[in-house]
C-alpha atoms as a PDB file:
ATOM      1  CA  UNK A   1     -47.209 -34.468  11.368  1.00  0.00           C
ATOM      2  CA  UNK A   2     -43.971 -33.417   9.198  1.00  0.00           C
ATOM      3  CA  UNK A   3     -45.955 -33.823   6.201  1.00  0.00           C
ATOM      4  CA  UNK A   4     -48.933 -31.641   7.171  1.00  0.00           C
ATOM      5  CA  UNK A   5     -46.523 -29.020   8.412  1.00  0.00           C
ATOM      6  CA  UNK A   6     -44.604 -29.096   5.304  1.00  0.00           C
ATOM      7  CA  UNK A   7     -47.927 -28.433   3.309  1.00  0.00           C
ATOM      8  CA  UNK A   8     -48.796 -25.399   5.323  1.00  0.00           C
ATOM      9  CA  UNK A   9     -45.274 -23.993   4.735  1.00  0.00           C
ATOM     10  CA  UNK A  10     -45.673 -24.846   0.900  1.00  0.00           C
ATOM     11  CA  UNK A  11     -48.963 -22.870   0.870  1.00  0.00           C
ATOM     12  CA  UNK A  12     -47.259 -19.832   2.654  1.00  0.00           C
ATOM     13  CA  UNK A  13     -44.446 -19.899   0.273  1.00  0.00           C
ATOM     14  CA  UNK A  14     -46.907 -20.135  -2.609  1.00  0.00           C
ATOM     15  CA  UNK A  15     -48.920 -17.246  -1.445  1.00  0.00           C
ATOM     16  CA  UNK A  16     -46.027 -15.137  -1.181  1.00  0.00           C
ATOM     17  CA  UNK A  17     -44.770 -16.090  -4.662  1.00  0.00           C
ATOM     18  CA  UNK A  18     -47.989 -15.075  -6.159  1.00  0.00           C
ATOM     19  CA  UNK A  19     -50.182 -17.269  -8.606  1.00  0.00           C
ATOM     20  CA  UNK A  20     -47.552 -17.623 -11.249  1.00  0.00           C
ATOM     21  CA  UNK A  21     -45.164 -20.502 -12.428  1.00  0.00           C
ATOM     22  CA  UNK A  22     -42.598 -18.855  -9.705  1.00  0.00           C
ATOM     23  CA  UNK A  23     -44.858 -20.320  -7.338  1.00  0.00           C
ATOM     24  CA  UNK A  24     -44.692 -23.917  -8.599  1.00  0.00           C
ATOM     25  CA  UNK A  25     -40.822 -23.960  -8.659  1.00  0.00           C
ATOM     26  CA  UNK A  26     -40.757 -22.501  -5.098  1.00  0.00           C
ATOM     27  CA  UNK A  27     -43.186 -25.234  -3.969  1.00  0.00           C
ATOM     28  CA  UNK A  28     -40.685 -27.822  -5.614  1.00  0.00           C
ATOM     29  CA  UNK A  29     -37.812 -26.470  -4.266  1.00  0.00           C
ATOM     30  CA  UNK A  30     -39.192 -26.215  -1.043  1.00  0.00           C
ATOM     31  CA  UNK A  31     -40.396 -29.761  -0.647  1.00  0.00           C
ATOM     32  CA  UNK A  32     -37.095 -31.166  -1.951  1.00  0.00           C
ATOM     33  CA  UNK A  33     -35.161 -29.202   0.521  1.00  0.00           C
ATOM     34  CA  UNK A  34     -37.406 -30.404   3.401  1.00  0.00           C
ATOM     35  CA  UNK A  35     -37.116 -34.038   2.320  1.00  0.00           C
ATOM     36  CA  UNK A  36     -33.215 -33.929   2.225  1.00  0.00           C
ATOM     37  CA  UNK A  37     -33.511 -32.258   5.774  1.00  0.00           C
ATOM     38  CA  UNK A  38     -35.461 -35.268   6.776  1.00  0.00           C
ATOM     39  CA  UNK A  39     -33.421 -37.990   5.292  1.00  0.00           C
ATOM     40  CA  UNK A  40     -30.099 -36.473   6.821  1.00  0.00           C
ATOM     41  CA  UNK A  41     -31.866 -36.463  10.334  1.00  0.00           C
ATOM     42  CA  UNK A  42     -33.151 -40.356   9.981  1.00  0.00           C
ATOM     43  CA  UNK A  43     -29.637 -41.083   8.757  1.00  0.00           C
ATOM     44  CA  UNK A  44     -28.083 -39.574  11.993  1.00  0.00           C
ATOM     45  CA  UNK A  45     -30.426 -40.933  14.088  1.00  0.00           C
ATOM     46  CA  UNK A  46     -29.924 -44.706  12.768  1.00  0.00           C
ATOM     47  CA  UNK A  47     -26.302 -43.936  12.740  1.00  0.00           C
ATOM     48  CA  UNK A  48     -26.246 -42.983  16.526  1.00  0.00           C
ATOM     49  CA  UNK A  49     -28.430 -46.119  17.571  1.00  0.00           C
ATOM     50  CA  UNK A  50     -26.163 -48.314  15.983  1.00  0.00           C
ATOM     51  CA  UNK A  51     -23.060 -47.217  17.984  1.00  0.00           C
ATOM     52  CA  UNK A  52     -23.044 -48.140  21.885  1.00  0.00           C
ATOM     53  CA  UNK A  53     -19.817 -49.085  24.220  1.00  0.00           C
ATOM     54  CA  UNK A  54     -19.316 -49.560  27.830  1.00  0.00           C
ATOM     55  CA  UNK A  55     -15.798 -48.519  29.260  1.00  0.00           C
ATOM     56  CA  UNK A  56     -13.582 -48.742  32.311  1.00  0.00           C
ATOM     57  CA  UNK A  57     -10.284 -47.471  33.278  1.00  0.00           C
ATOM     58  CA  UNK A  58      -7.732 -48.548  35.842  1.00  0.00           C
ATOM     59  CA  UNK A  59      -4.280 -47.806  36.717  1.00  0.00           C
ATOM     60  CA  UNK A  60      -1.087 -49.641  38.445  1.00  0.00           C
ATOM     61  CA  UNK A  61       1.828 -48.079  39.621  1.00  0.00           C
ATOM     62  CA  UNK A  62       5.558 -49.892  40.007  1.00  0.00           C
ATOM     63  CA  UNK A  63       8.451 -48.653  41.841  1.00  0.00           C
ATOM     64  CA  UNK A  64      11.535 -49.047  40.967  1.00  0.00           C
ATOM     65  CA  UNK A  65      15.080 -47.862  42.000  1.00  0.00           C
ATOM     66  CA  UNK A  66      15.357 -44.638  40.488  1.00  0.00           C
ATOM     67  CA  UNK A  67      11.805 -44.826  38.069  1.00  0.00           C
ATOM     68  CA  UNK A  68       8.300 -45.368  38.439  1.00  0.00           C
ATOM     69  CA  UNK A  69       5.910 -47.223  36.007  1.00  0.00           C
ATOM     70  CA  UNK A  70       2.642 -46.297  35.288  1.00  0.00           C
ATOM     71  CA  UNK A  71       0.068 -48.399  33.507  1.00  0.00           C
ATOM     72  CA  UNK A  72      -3.128 -47.455  32.263  1.00  0.00           C
ATOM     73  CA  UNK A  73      -5.545 -50.001  31.227  1.00  0.00           C
ATOM     74  CA  UNK A  74      -8.853 -49.158  29.010  1.00  0.00           C
ATOM     75  CA  UNK A  75     -11.566 -51.872  28.888  1.00  0.00           C
ATOM     76  CA  UNK A  76     -14.106 -50.911  26.150  1.00  0.00           C
ATOM     77  CA  UNK A  77     -17.190 -53.526  25.706  1.00  0.00           C
ATOM     78  CA  UNK A  78     -19.204 -53.322  22.254  1.00  0.00           C
ATOM     79  CA  UNK A  79     -22.601 -52.997  22.710  1.00  0.00           C
ATOM     80  CA  UNK A  80     -23.770 -52.216  19.509  1.00  0.00           C
ATOM     81  CA  UNK A  81     -25.574 -54.353  16.971  1.00  0.00           C
ATOM     82  CA  UNK A  82     -22.536 -54.088  14.415  1.00  0.00           C
ATOM     83  CA  UNK A  83     -18.908 -53.951  14.876  1.00  0.00           C
ATOM     84  CA  UNK A  84     -17.313 -50.768  16.716  1.00  0.00           C
ATOM     85  CA  UNK A  85     -14.540 -49.023  15.693  1.00  0.00           C
ATOM     86  CA  UNK A  86     -12.549 -47.557  18.410  1.00  0.00           C
ATOM     87  CA  UNK A  87     -11.147 -44.346  16.488  1.00  0.00           C
ATOM     88  CA  UNK A  88      -9.095 -42.758  19.512  1.00  0.00           C
ATOM     89  CA  UNK A  89      -8.493 -43.209  23.139  1.00  0.00           C
ATOM     90  CA  UNK A  90      -7.002 -39.835  24.317  1.00  0.00           C
ATOM     91  CA  UNK A  91      -5.229 -39.527  27.609  1.00  0.00           C
ATOM     92  CA  UNK A  92      -4.505 -36.326  29.481  1.00  0.00           C
ATOM     93  CA  UNK A  93      -2.930 -36.094  33.092  1.00  0.00           C
ATOM     94  CA  UNK A  94      -2.843 -32.977  35.359  1.00  0.00           C
ATOM     95  CA  UNK A  95      -1.563 -32.643  38.813  1.00  0.00           C
ATOM     96  CA  UNK A  96      -3.625 -32.679  42.095  1.00  0.00           C
ATOM     97  CA  UNK A  97      -0.814 -31.834  44.339  1.00  0.00           C
ATOM     98  CA  UNK A  98       2.445 -29.926  43.428  1.00  0.00           C
ATOM     99  CA  UNK A  99       5.380 -29.844  45.714  1.00  0.00           C
ATOM    100  CA  UNK A 100       3.030 -30.900  48.604  1.00  0.00           C
ATOM    101  CA  UNK A 101       0.722 -27.912  47.804  1.00  0.00           C
ATOM    102  CA  UNK A 102      -2.735 -29.512  47.332  1.00  0.00           C
ATOM    103  CA  UNK A 103      -5.642 -27.961  45.516  1.00  0.00           C
ATOM    104  CA  UNK A 104      -7.122 -25.073  47.621  1.00  0.00           C
ATOM    105  CA  UNK A 105     -10.534 -25.317  46.142  1.00  0.00           C
ATOM    106  CA  UNK A 106     -12.954 -27.750  44.237  1.00  0.00           C
ATOM    107  CA  UNK A 107     -12.600 -27.596  40.508  1.00  0.00           C
ATOM    108  CA  UNK A 108     -15.869 -28.345  38.323  1.00  0.00           C
ATOM    109  CA  UNK A 109     -14.354 -29.928  35.222  1.00  0.00           C
ATOM    110  CA  UNK A 110     -11.034 -31.386  34.488  1.00  0.00           C
ATOM    111  CA  UNK A 111     -10.058 -28.376  32.163  1.00  0.00           C
ATOM    112  CA  UNK A 112     -10.393 -26.165  34.742  1.00  0.00           C
ATOM    113  CA  UNK A 113      -7.463 -28.036  36.545  1.00  0.00           C
ATOM    114  CA  UNK A 114      -3.930 -26.416  36.964  1.00  0.00           C
ATOM    115  CA  UNK A 115      -1.293 -27.669  34.458  1.00  0.00           C
ATOM    116  CA  UNK A 116       2.284 -28.992  35.017  1.00  0.00           C
ATOM    117  CA  UNK A 117       4.874 -26.287  35.705  1.00  0.00           C
ATOM    118  CA  UNK A 118       7.417 -25.999  33.179  1.00  0.00           C
ATOM    119  CA  UNK A 119      11.133 -27.462  33.466  1.00  0.00           C
ATOM    120  CA  UNK A 120      13.132 -29.824  32.685  1.00  0.00           C
ATOM    121  CA  UNK A 121      11.533 -32.519  34.625  1.00  0.00           C
ATOM    122  CA  UNK A 122       8.309 -31.935  33.231  1.00  0.00           C
ATOM    123  CA  UNK A 123       9.461 -31.448  29.354  1.00  0.00           C
ATOM    124  CA  UNK A 124      11.389 -34.525  29.346  1.00  0.00           C
ATOM    125  CA  UNK A 125       8.412 -36.383  30.731  1.00  0.00           C
ATOM    126  CA  UNK A 126       5.933 -38.047  28.405  1.00  0.00           C
ATOM    127  CA  UNK A 127       3.199 -38.065  31.150  1.00  0.00           C
ATOM    128  CA  UNK A 128       2.729 -34.678  30.825  1.00  0.00           C
ATOM    129  CA  UNK A 129       1.874 -34.714  27.056  1.00  0.00           C
ATOM    130  CA  UNK A 130      -1.500 -35.739  25.559  1.00  0.00           C
ATOM    131  CA  UNK A 131      -1.186 -39.425  23.808  1.00  0.00           C
ATOM    132  CA  UNK A 132      -3.753 -41.397  21.731  1.00  0.00           C
ATOM    133  CA  UNK A 133      -3.080 -45.002  23.113  1.00  0.00           C
ATOM    134  CA  UNK A 134      -5.288 -46.382  20.563  1.00  0.00           C
ATOM    135  CA  UNK A 135      -2.989 -45.237  17.579  1.00  0.00           C
ATOM    136  CA  UNK A 136      -1.269 -47.776  15.708  1.00  0.00           C
ATOM    137  CA  UNK A 137      -0.089 -46.929  11.799  1.00  0.00           C
ATOM    138  CA  UNK A 138      -2.217 -48.095   9.140  1.00  0.00           C
ATOM    139  CA  UNK A 139      -4.514 -49.761  11.429  1.00  0.00           C
ATOM    140  CA  UNK A 140      -7.533 -48.843  13.956  1.00  0.00           C
ATOM    141  CA  UNK A 141      -9.091 -51.019  16.582  1.00  0.00           C
ATOM    142  CA  UNK A 142     -12.474 -52.814  16.126  1.00  0.00           C
ATOM    143  CA  UNK A 143     -14.499 -54.792  18.540  1.00  0.00           C
ATOM    144  CA  UNK A 144     -16.904 -57.483  17.568  1.00  0.00           C
ATOM    145  CA  UNK A 145     -20.747 -57.466  18.997  1.00  0.00           C
ATOM    146  CA  UNK A 146     -20.468 -58.251  22.727  1.00  0.00           C
ATOM    147  CA  UNK A 147     -16.676 -58.134  22.519  1.00  0.00           C
ATOM    148  CA  UNK A 148     -14.202 -56.546  24.633  1.00  0.00           C
ATOM    149  CA  UNK A 149     -11.307 -54.543  23.574  1.00  0.00           C
ATOM    150  CA  UNK A 150      -8.360 -53.772  25.846  1.00  0.00           C
ATOM    151  CA  UNK A 151      -5.795 -51.014  25.477  1.00  0.00           C
ATOM    152  CA  UNK A 152      -2.964 -49.892  27.429  1.00  0.00           C
ATOM    153  CA  UNK A 153      -0.611 -47.225  27.947  1.00  0.00           C
ATOM    154  CA  UNK A 154       2.630 -46.707  29.819  1.00  0.00           C
ATOM    155  CA  UNK A 155       4.455 -43.851  31.238  1.00  0.00           C
ATOM    156  CA  UNK A 156       7.971 -44.121  32.863  1.00  0.00           C
ATOM    157  CA  UNK A 157       8.676 -41.517  34.998  1.00  0.00           C
ATOM    158  CA  UNK A 158      11.588 -40.194  37.715  1.00  0.00           C
ATOM    159  CA  UNK A 159      11.038 -40.850  41.218  1.00  0.00           C
ATOM    160  CA  UNK A 160      11.471 -36.860  41.674  1.00  0.00           C
ATOM    161  CA  UNK A 161       8.681 -36.249  39.228  1.00  0.00           C
ATOM    162  CA  UNK A 162       6.642 -38.489  41.846  1.00  0.00           C
ATOM    163  CA  UNK A 163       8.167 -36.520  44.794  1.00  0.00           C
ATOM    164  CA  UNK A 164       6.792 -33.101  43.129  1.00  0.00           C
ATOM    165  CA  UNK A 165       3.453 -34.443  41.611  1.00  0.00           C
ATOM    166  CA  UNK A 166       2.687 -37.458  44.007  1.00  0.00           C
ATOM    167  CA  UNK A 167      -1.342 -37.478  42.919  1.00  0.00           C
ATOM    168  CA  UNK A 168      -2.524 -36.810  39.365  1.00  0.00           C
ATOM    169  CA  UNK A 169      -6.029 -36.751  37.842  1.00  0.00           C
ATOM    170  CA  UNK A 170      -6.308 -38.419  34.409  1.00  0.00           C
ATOM    171  CA  UNK A 171      -8.970 -37.889  31.844  1.00  0.00           C
ATOM    172  CA  UNK A 172      -9.304 -40.785  29.295  1.00  0.00           C
ATOM    173  CA  UNK A 173     -11.821 -39.862  25.966  1.00  0.00           C
ATOM    174  CA  UNK A 174     -12.667 -42.820  24.250  1.00  0.00           C
ATOM    175  CA  UNK A 175     -13.973 -42.000  20.490  1.00  0.00           C
ATOM    176  CA  UNK A 176     -15.973 -44.864  18.783  1.00  0.00           C
ATOM    177  CA  UNK A 177     -18.304 -45.469  15.427  1.00  0.00           C
ATOM    178  CA  UNK A 178     -19.836 -47.414  13.108  1.00  0.00           C
ATOM    179  CA  UNK A 179     -17.017 -49.273  10.871  1.00  0.00           C
ATOM    180  CA  UNK A 180     -19.387 -49.162   7.754  1.00  0.00           C
ATOM    181  CA  UNK A 181     -17.467 -47.051   5.789  1.00  0.00           C
ATOM    182  CA  UNK A 182     -13.943 -47.862   7.257  1.00  0.00           C
ATOM    183  CA  UNK A 183     -13.848 -51.653   7.561  1.00  0.00           C
ATOM    184  CA  UNK A 184     -11.761 -54.121   6.028  1.00  0.00           C
ATOM    185  CA  UNK A 185     -13.056 -57.690   6.006  1.00  0.00           C
ATOM    186  CA  UNK A 186     -11.295 -61.104   4.284  1.00  0.00           C
ATOM    187  CA  UNK A 187     -14.502 -63.383   4.702  1.00  0.00           C
ATOM    188  CA  UNK A 188     -16.671 -64.072   2.464  1.00  0.00           C
ATOM    189  CA  UNK A 189     -14.234 -61.920   0.411  1.00  0.00           C
ATOM    190  CA  UNK A 190     -11.708 -59.731   0.798  1.00  0.00           C
ATOM    191  CA  UNK A 191     -13.482 -55.961   0.945  1.00  0.00           C
ATOM    192  CA  UNK A 192     -11.997 -52.734   1.714  1.00  0.00           C
ATOM    193  CA  UNK A 193     -14.682 -49.961   2.548  1.00  0.00           C
ATOM    194  CA  UNK A 194     -14.215 -46.682   0.530  1.00  0.00           C
ATOM    195  CA  UNK A 195     -13.110 -44.721   3.377  1.00  0.00           C
ATOM    196  CA  UNK A 196     -10.580 -46.769   5.541  1.00  0.00           C
ATOM    197  CA  UNK A 197      -7.077 -45.817   3.653  1.00  0.00           C
ATOM    198  CA  UNK A 198      -8.146 -42.325   3.776  1.00  0.00           C
ATOM    199  CA  UNK A 199      -8.990 -42.571   7.347  1.00  0.00           C
ATOM    200  CA  UNK A 200      -5.964 -44.314   8.586  1.00  0.00           C
ATOM    201  CA  UNK A 201      -3.666 -41.787   6.667  1.00  0.00           C
ATOM    202  CA  UNK A 202      -5.557 -38.839   8.249  1.00  0.00           C
ATOM    203  CA  UNK A 203      -5.105 -40.140  11.645  1.00  0.00           C
ATOM    204  CA  UNK A 204      -1.450 -40.746  11.174  1.00  0.00           C
ATOM    205  CA  UNK A 205      -0.838 -37.316  10.062  1.00  0.00           C
ATOM    206  CA  UNK A 206      -2.812 -35.843  13.140  1.00  0.00           C
ATOM    207  CA  UNK A 207      -1.115 -38.123  15.394  1.00  0.00           C
ATOM    208  CA  UNK A 208       2.046 -36.497  14.406  1.00  0.00           C
ATOM    209  CA  UNK A 209       0.859 -33.325  15.677  1.00  0.00           C
ATOM    210  CA  UNK A 210      -0.502 -34.584  18.864  1.00  0.00           C
ATOM    211  CA  UNK A 211      -4.074 -33.343  19.615  1.00  0.00           C
ATOM    212  CA  UNK A 212      -7.579 -33.928  19.700  1.00  0.00           C
ATOM    213  CA  UNK A 213      -8.939 -33.686  16.140  1.00  0.00           C
ATOM    214  CA  UNK A 214     -12.654 -34.216  16.731  1.00  0.00           C
ATOM    215  CA  UNK A 215     -14.552 -31.171  17.828  1.00  0.00           C
ATOM    216  CA  UNK A 216     -17.914 -29.455  17.405  1.00  0.00           C
ATOM    217  CA  UNK A 217     -19.852 -27.046  14.852  1.00  0.00           C
ATOM    218  CA  UNK A 218     -20.132 -23.630  16.755  1.00  0.00           C
ATOM    219  CA  UNK A 219     -23.261 -21.650  16.932  1.00  0.00           C
ATOM    220  CA  UNK A 220     -23.149 -20.444  13.167  1.00  0.00           C
ATOM    221  CA  UNK A 221     -22.873 -23.952  12.087  1.00  0.00           C
ATOM    222  CA  UNK A 222     -21.015 -24.757   8.836  1.00  0.00           C
ATOM    223  CA  UNK A 223     -22.122 -23.827   5.364  1.00  0.00           C
ATOM    224  CA  UNK A 224     -20.227 -24.022   2.193  1.00  0.00           C
ATOM    225  CA  UNK A 225     -21.553 -24.688  -1.189  1.00  0.00           C
ATOM    226  CA  UNK A 226     -24.250 -27.590  -0.532  1.00  0.00           C
ATOM    227  CA  UNK A 227     -22.778 -28.511   2.766  1.00  0.00           C
ATOM    228  CA  UNK A 228     -24.235 -27.489   5.859  1.00  0.00           C
ATOM    229  CA  UNK A 229     -23.904 -28.493   9.148  1.00  0.00           C
ATOM    230  CA  UNK A 230     -25.631 -27.309  12.337  1.00  0.00           C
ATOM    231  CA  UNK A 231     -24.578 -26.062  15.805  1.00  0.00           C
ATOM    232  CA  UNK A 232     -22.679 -29.049  17.686  1.00  0.00           C
ATOM    233  CA  UNK A 233     -22.570 -31.512  14.713  1.00  0.00           C
ATOM    234  CA  UNK A 234     -19.366 -33.526  15.001  1.00  0.00           C
ATOM    235  CA  UNK A 235     -16.386 -31.759  13.044  1.00  0.00           C
ATOM    236  CA  UNK A 236     -12.648 -32.234  12.502  1.00  0.00           C
ATOM    237  CA  UNK A 237     -10.544 -29.334  13.392  1.00  0.00           C
ATOM    238  CA  UNK A 238      -7.048 -28.271  13.068  1.00  0.00           C
ATOM    239  CA  UNK A 239      -4.472 -27.967  15.657  1.00  0.00           C
ATOM    240  CA  UNK A 240      -5.393 -24.333  16.338  1.00  0.00           C
ATOM    241  CA  UNK A 241      -8.974 -25.747  16.896  1.00  0.00           C
ATOM    242  CA  UNK A 242     -10.310 -24.187  13.346  1.00  0.00           C
ATOM    243  CA  UNK A 243     -12.444 -26.364  11.297  1.00  0.00           C
ATOM    244  CA  UNK A 244     -10.920 -29.147   8.909  1.00  0.00           C
ATOM    245  CA  UNK A 245     -13.585 -28.341   6.235  1.00  0.00           C
ATOM    246  CA  UNK A 246     -12.323 -30.622   3.379  1.00  0.00           C
ATOM    247  CA  UNK A 247     -11.720 -33.654   5.767  1.00  0.00           C
ATOM    248  CA  UNK A 248     -14.755 -32.720   7.527  1.00  0.00           C
ATOM    249  CA  UNK A 249     -16.817 -32.832   4.374  1.00  0.00           C
ATOM    250  CA  UNK A 250     -14.800 -36.299   3.278  1.00  0.00           C
ATOM    251  CA  UNK A 251     -15.787 -38.091   6.504  1.00  0.00           C
ATOM    252  CA  UNK A 252     -19.148 -36.451   7.449  1.00  0.00           C
ATOM    253  CA  UNK A 253     -21.007 -39.586   7.151  1.00  0.00           C
ATOM    254  CA  UNK A 254     -18.618 -41.156   9.233  1.00  0.00           C
ATOM    255  CA  UNK A 255     -18.470 -38.669  11.737  1.00  0.00           C
ATOM    256  CA  UNK A 256     -22.538 -38.927  12.214  1.00  0.00           C
ATOM    257  CA  UNK A 257     -21.934 -42.229  13.870  1.00  0.00           C
ATOM    258  CA  UNK A 258     -18.986 -41.008  15.944  1.00  0.00           C
ATOM    259  CA  UNK A 259     -19.846 -40.824  19.961  1.00  0.00           C
ATOM    260  CA  UNK A 260     -17.604 -40.369  22.637  1.00  0.00           C
ATOM    261  CA  UNK A 261     -17.349 -40.514  26.458  1.00  0.00           C
ATOM    262  CA  UNK A 262     -14.835 -39.261  29.147  1.00  0.00           C
ATOM    263  CA  UNK A 263     -13.773 -40.749  32.128  1.00  0.00           C
ATOM    264  CA  UNK A 264     -11.927 -39.062  35.085  1.00  0.00           C
ATOM    265  CA  UNK A 265      -9.411 -41.141  37.617  1.00  0.00           C
ATOM    266  CA  UNK A 266      -7.279 -40.491  40.251  1.00  0.00           C
ATOM    267  CA  UNK A 267      -3.941 -41.718  40.323  1.00  0.00           C
ATOM    268  CA  UNK A 268      -1.418 -41.877  43.399  1.00  0.00           C
ATOM    269  CA  UNK A 269       1.872 -42.189  42.521  1.00  0.00           C
ATOM    270  CA  UNK A 270       2.786 -42.611  46.509  1.00  0.00           C
ATOM    271  CA  UNK A 271       1.541 -45.934  46.453  1.00  0.00           C
ATOM    272  CA  UNK A 272       2.760 -49.315  44.828  1.00  0.00           C
ATOM    273  CA  UNK A 273       0.368 -51.687  42.954  1.00  0.00           C
ATOM    274  CA  UNK A 274       0.744 -55.186  44.926  1.00  0.00           C
ATOM    275  CA  UNK A 275       1.532 -57.765  42.308  1.00  0.00           C
ATOM    276  CA  UNK A 276      -0.429 -60.995  42.017  1.00  0.00           C
END
């Protein structure tokens, strides 16, 4: 069907150009462009089909005399046909109760929830800030086929914070990908994939700025010389949410294999987890 449609489009292009050498050039360019687009689509589909994971998240709350420890555990099961790269696990918290004042109505999504108030209590608390619990300098987590990877994050808050914000809602955003371009192997011989060093350096730099660096192309897409992305294709962004074009171009093939999933959980700081 694609070839039939392609031939029809070529015929129309030739009719417009006229029966000259120009028409032949137009036809060649048109066929080349169509083949390039088809190859890119096949690459994307194969990349996405090769990445799949299941996940679950749980919290534990431990009370001390003046402090409360909140433990988050994220468990990721690799259901891909190859090794899975865990590129990032971003964690955000928002309050469901502020000073005993509960949410007054339903919220359709996490982003519409109210944020923490500003003050010394909040500014000095790690829990009010975005964090990537998968980040390790010069490294990223990988999971073998049918393997399970567990990542944990810990926050220590004053009991005064728990009194003001006794009920929280957390959002966990997991980004996974193929490791083809960022892998490092030792067997049967030592090999470092071409983008590994650049990728771990990129993640280290963005982690300093502390923001979610994955995004999507907007309606107009991305067009720079012979580099083109359509609306909603994966891109890398800067902290101001503008597209990081040089790194998007550099890591484009890796980005085509990236998938993400979100989890929202309620965390009750009024109750303590029983130790077993």
